[in-house]
C-alpha atoms as a PDB file:
ATOM      1  CA  UNK A   1     -10.027 -32.033  -1.126  1.00  0.00           C
ATOM      2  CA  UNK A   2      -7.574 -34.856  -0.624  1.00  0.00           C
ATOM      3  CA  UNK A   3      -8.188 -38.585  -0.425  1.00  0.00           C
ATOM      4  CA  UNK A   4     -12.071 -38.175  -1.014  1.00  0.00           C
ATOM      5  CA  UNK A   5     -13.864 -40.203  -3.488  1.00  0.00           C
ATOM      6  CA  UNK A   6     -15.916 -38.358  -6.172  1.00  0.00           C
ATOM      7  CA  UNK A   7     -19.056 -39.851  -4.590  1.00  0.00           C
ATOM      8  CA  UNK A   8     -18.269 -38.604  -1.116  1.00  0.00           C
ATOM      9  CA  UNK A   9     -17.351 -35.102  -2.481  1.00  0.00           C
ATOM     10  CA  UNK A  10     -20.673 -34.941  -4.415  1.00  0.00           C
ATOM     11  CA  UNK A  11     -22.483 -35.923  -1.099  1.00  0.00           C
ATOM     12  CA  UNK A  12     -20.729 -33.215   0.828  1.00  0.00           C
ATOM     13  CA  UNK A  13     -21.456 -30.623  -1.977  1.00  0.00           C
ATOM     14  CA  UNK A  14     -25.098 -31.516  -1.898  1.00  0.00           C
ATOM     15  CA  UNK A  15     -25.259 -31.401   1.964  1.00  0.00           C
ATOM     16  CA  UNK A  16     -23.685 -27.845   1.897  1.00  0.00           C
ATOM     17  CA  UNK A  17     -26.076 -26.746  -0.951  1.00  0.00           C
ATOM     18  CA  UNK A  18     -29.089 -28.166   0.862  1.00  0.00           C
ATOM     19  CA  UNK A  19     -28.333 -26.333   4.064  1.00  0.00           C
ATOM     20  CA  UNK A  20     -27.921 -22.941   2.399  1.00  0.00           C
ATOM     21  CA  UNK A  21     -30.364 -20.155   2.359  1.00  0.00           C
ATOM     22  CA  UNK A  22     -32.781 -20.257  -0.533  1.00  0.00           C
ATOM     23  CA  UNK A  23     -31.439 -16.993  -1.951  1.00  0.00           C
ATOM     24  CA  UNK A  24     -27.855 -18.377  -2.084  1.00  0.00           C
ATOM     25  CA  UNK A  25     -29.145 -21.610  -3.690  1.00  0.00           C
ATOM     26  CA  UNK A  26     -30.848 -19.598  -6.420  1.00  0.00           C
ATOM     27  CA  UNK A  27     -27.559 -17.639  -7.039  1.00  0.00           C
ATOM     28  CA  UNK A  28     -25.643 -20.917  -7.397  1.00  0.00           C
ATOM     29  CA  UNK A  29     -28.301 -22.429  -9.654  1.00  0.00           C
ATOM     30  CA  UNK A  30     -28.334 -19.399 -11.770  1.00  0.00           C
ATOM     31  CA  UNK A  31     -24.508 -19.731 -12.415  1.00  0.00           C
ATOM     32  CA  UNK A  32     -24.873 -23.486 -12.609  1.00  0.00           C
ATOM     33  CA  UNK A  33     -24.628 -26.145  -9.895  1.00  0.00           C
ATOM     34  CA  UNK A  34     -22.173 -28.267 -11.728  1.00  0.00           C
ATOM     35  CA  UNK A  35     -19.702 -25.397 -12.029  1.00  0.00           C
ATOM     36  CA  UNK A  36     -20.163 -24.421  -8.372  1.00  0.00           C
ATOM     37  CA  UNK A  37     -17.055 -25.698  -6.209  1.00  0.00           C
ATOM     38  CA  UNK A  38     -17.741 -25.255  -2.437  1.00  0.00           C
ATOM     39  CA  UNK A  39     -14.166 -26.638  -1.855  1.00  0.00           C
ATOM     40  CA  UNK A  40     -12.113 -24.121  -3.659  1.00  0.00           C
ATOM     41  CA  UNK A  41      -8.875 -23.512  -1.763  1.00  0.00           C
ATOM     42  CA  UNK A  42      -8.331 -20.036  -0.342  1.00  0.00           C
ATOM     43  CA  UNK A  43      -6.018 -17.806  -2.605  1.00  0.00           C
ATOM     44  CA  UNK A  44      -2.365 -17.396  -1.348  1.00  0.00           C
ATOM     45  CA  UNK A  45      -1.837 -14.338   0.831  1.00  0.00           C
ATOM     46  CA  UNK A  46      -0.597 -11.271  -0.856  1.00  0.00           C
ATOM     47  CA  UNK A  47       2.967 -11.535  -1.719  1.00  0.00           C
ATOM     48  CA  UNK A  48       5.296  -9.083   0.200  1.00  0.00           C
ATOM     49  CA  UNK A  49       7.176  -6.943  -2.283  1.00  0.00           C
ATOM     50  CA  UNK A  50      10.777  -6.657  -1.893  1.00  0.00           C
ATOM     51  CA  UNK A  51      13.709  -5.005  -3.444  1.00  0.00           C
ATOM     52  CA  UNK A  52      16.703  -6.739  -5.061  1.00  0.00           C
ATOM     53  CA  UNK A  53      18.132  -7.429  -1.773  1.00  0.00           C
ATOM     54  CA  UNK A  54      14.960  -9.164  -0.602  1.00  0.00           C
ATOM     55  CA  UNK A  55      14.153  -6.418   1.886  1.00  0.00           C
ATOM     56  CA  UNK A  56      10.623  -5.067   2.386  1.00  0.00           C
ATOM     57  CA  UNK A  57       9.852  -1.300   2.373  1.00  0.00           C
ATOM     58  CA  UNK A  58       9.443  -1.403   6.034  1.00  0.00           C
ATOM     59  CA  UNK A  59      12.753  -3.054   6.546  1.00  0.00           C
ATOM     60  CA  UNK A  60      14.592  -0.659   4.229  1.00  0.00           C
ATOM     61  CA  UNK A  61      12.986   2.527   5.702  1.00  0.00           C
ATOM     62  CA  UNK A  62      13.779   1.222   9.321  1.00  0.00           C
ATOM     63  CA  UNK A  63      17.378   0.599   8.285  1.00  0.00           C
ATOM     64  CA  UNK A  64      17.655   4.006   6.627  1.00  0.00           C
ATOM     65  CA  UNK A  65      16.071   5.855   9.555  1.00  0.00           C
ATOM     66  CA  UNK A  66      18.511   4.062  12.003  1.00  0.00           C
ATOM     67  CA  UNK A  67      21.316   5.853  10.255  1.00  0.00           C
ATOM     68  CA  UNK A  68      19.825   9.196  11.128  1.00  0.00           C
ATOM     69  CA  UNK A  69      19.930  10.768  14.419  1.00  0.00           C
ATOM     70  CA  UNK A  70      16.485  10.786  16.061  1.00  0.00           C
ATOM     71  CA  UNK A  71      16.621  14.629  16.260  1.00  0.00           C
ATOM     72  CA  UNK A  72      17.496  15.121  12.515  1.00  0.00           C
ATOM     73  CA  UNK A  73      14.091  13.774  11.050  1.00  0.00           C
ATOM     74  CA  UNK A  74      10.548  14.383  11.435  1.00  0.00           C
ATOM     75  CA  UNK A  75       7.446  12.378  10.691  1.00  0.00           C
ATOM     76  CA  UNK A  76       7.291  14.065   7.404  1.00  0.00           C
ATOM     77  CA  UNK A  77      10.971  13.119   6.750  1.00  0.00           C
ATOM     78  CA  UNK A  78      10.076   9.520   7.613  1.00  0.00           C
ATOM     79  CA  UNK A  79       6.943   9.546   5.470  1.00  0.00           C
ATOM     80  CA  UNK A  80       8.772  10.825   2.481  1.00  0.00           C
ATOM     81  CA  UNK A  81      11.476   8.091   2.847  1.00  0.00           C
ATOM     82  CA  UNK A  82       8.679   5.427   3.165  1.00  0.00           C
ATOM     83  CA  UNK A  83       6.907   6.850   0.098  1.00  0.00           C
ATOM     84  CA  UNK A  84       9.876   6.922  -2.196  1.00  0.00           C
ATOM     85  CA  UNK A  85      10.979   3.436  -0.989  1.00  0.00           C
ATOM     86  CA  UNK A  86       7.512   2.030  -1.647  1.00  0.00           C
ATOM     87  CA  UNK A  87       7.501   3.743  -5.076  1.00  0.00           C
ATOM     88  CA  UNK A  88      10.822   2.352  -6.037  1.00  0.00           C
ATOM     89  CA  UNK A  89      10.127  -1.182  -5.028  1.00  0.00           C
ATOM     90  CA  UNK A  90       6.783  -1.033  -6.962  1.00  0.00           C
ATOM     91  CA  UNK A  91       8.775   0.203 -10.042  1.00  0.00           C
ATOM     92  CA  UNK A  92       6.634   3.342 -10.226  1.00  0.00           C
ATOM     93  CA  UNK A  93       8.009   5.617 -12.828  1.00  0.00           C
ATOM     94  CA  UNK A  94       7.377   8.816 -10.844  1.00  0.00           C
ATOM     95  CA  UNK A  95       9.500   7.552  -7.973  1.00  0.00           C
ATOM     96  CA  UNK A  96      12.173   6.170 -10.311  1.00  0.00           C
ATOM     97  CA  UNK A  97      12.454   9.652 -11.781  1.00  0.00           C
ATOM     98  CA  UNK A  98      12.761  11.161  -8.389  1.00  0.00           C
ATOM     99  CA  UNK A  99      15.411   8.648  -7.438  1.00  0.00           C
ATOM    100  CA  UNK A 100      17.454   9.247 -10.579  1.00  0.00           C
ATOM    101  CA  UNK A 101      17.216  13.029 -10.238  1.00  0.00           C
ATOM    102  CA  UNK A 102      18.456  12.825  -6.545  1.00  0.00           C
ATOM    103  CA  UNK A 103      21.417  10.699  -7.509  1.00  0.00           C
ATOM    104  CA  UNK A 104      22.163  13.037 -10.446  1.00  0.00           C
ATOM    105  CA  UNK A 105      21.927  16.127  -8.184  1.00  0.00           C
ATOM    106  CA  UNK A 106      24.132  14.719  -5.507  1.00  0.00           C
ATOM    107  CA  UNK A 107      26.852  14.127  -8.185  1.00  0.00           C
ATOM    108  CA  UNK A 108      26.360  17.549  -9.471  1.00  0.00           C
ATOM    109  CA  UNK A 109      26.772  19.144  -6.032  1.00  0.00           C
ATOM    110  CA  UNK A 110      29.850  17.093  -5.522  1.00  0.00           C
ATOM    111  CA  UNK A 111      31.410  18.319  -8.758  1.00  0.00           C
ATOM    112  CA  UNK A 112      30.770  21.935  -7.825  1.00  0.00           C
ATOM    113  CA  UNK A 113      32.303  21.385  -4.496  1.00  0.00           C
ATOM    114  CA  UNK A 114      29.138  22.086  -2.580  1.00  0.00           C
ATOM    115  CA  UNK A 115      28.855  18.660  -0.997  1.00  0.00           C
ATOM    116  CA  UNK A 116      31.655  16.489   0.550  1.00  0.00           C
END
């Protein structure tokens, strides 16, 4: 807490403790009253994972799907794009392998004249 004397903080701590249910007090005493901190700051919210361009999975998939005509993809198509995007951003080996294979396969098809 900010700008609070140690005496005031202890008074507040005791007040909180005294107004708790006996079962909760027993739990705190078991772990140690001195170690208990009722004023712990909340943890930061989960960080949003992004790729090297600072885009989230949702942003990347949305941008990708906007390049496709609405008639050319299904829910499964979109789900697949989302899954691989999520896997790549999380650096999941399975999805990195899928990505590398797709890149290799595209080049392979180009060399054989099967893809423009």
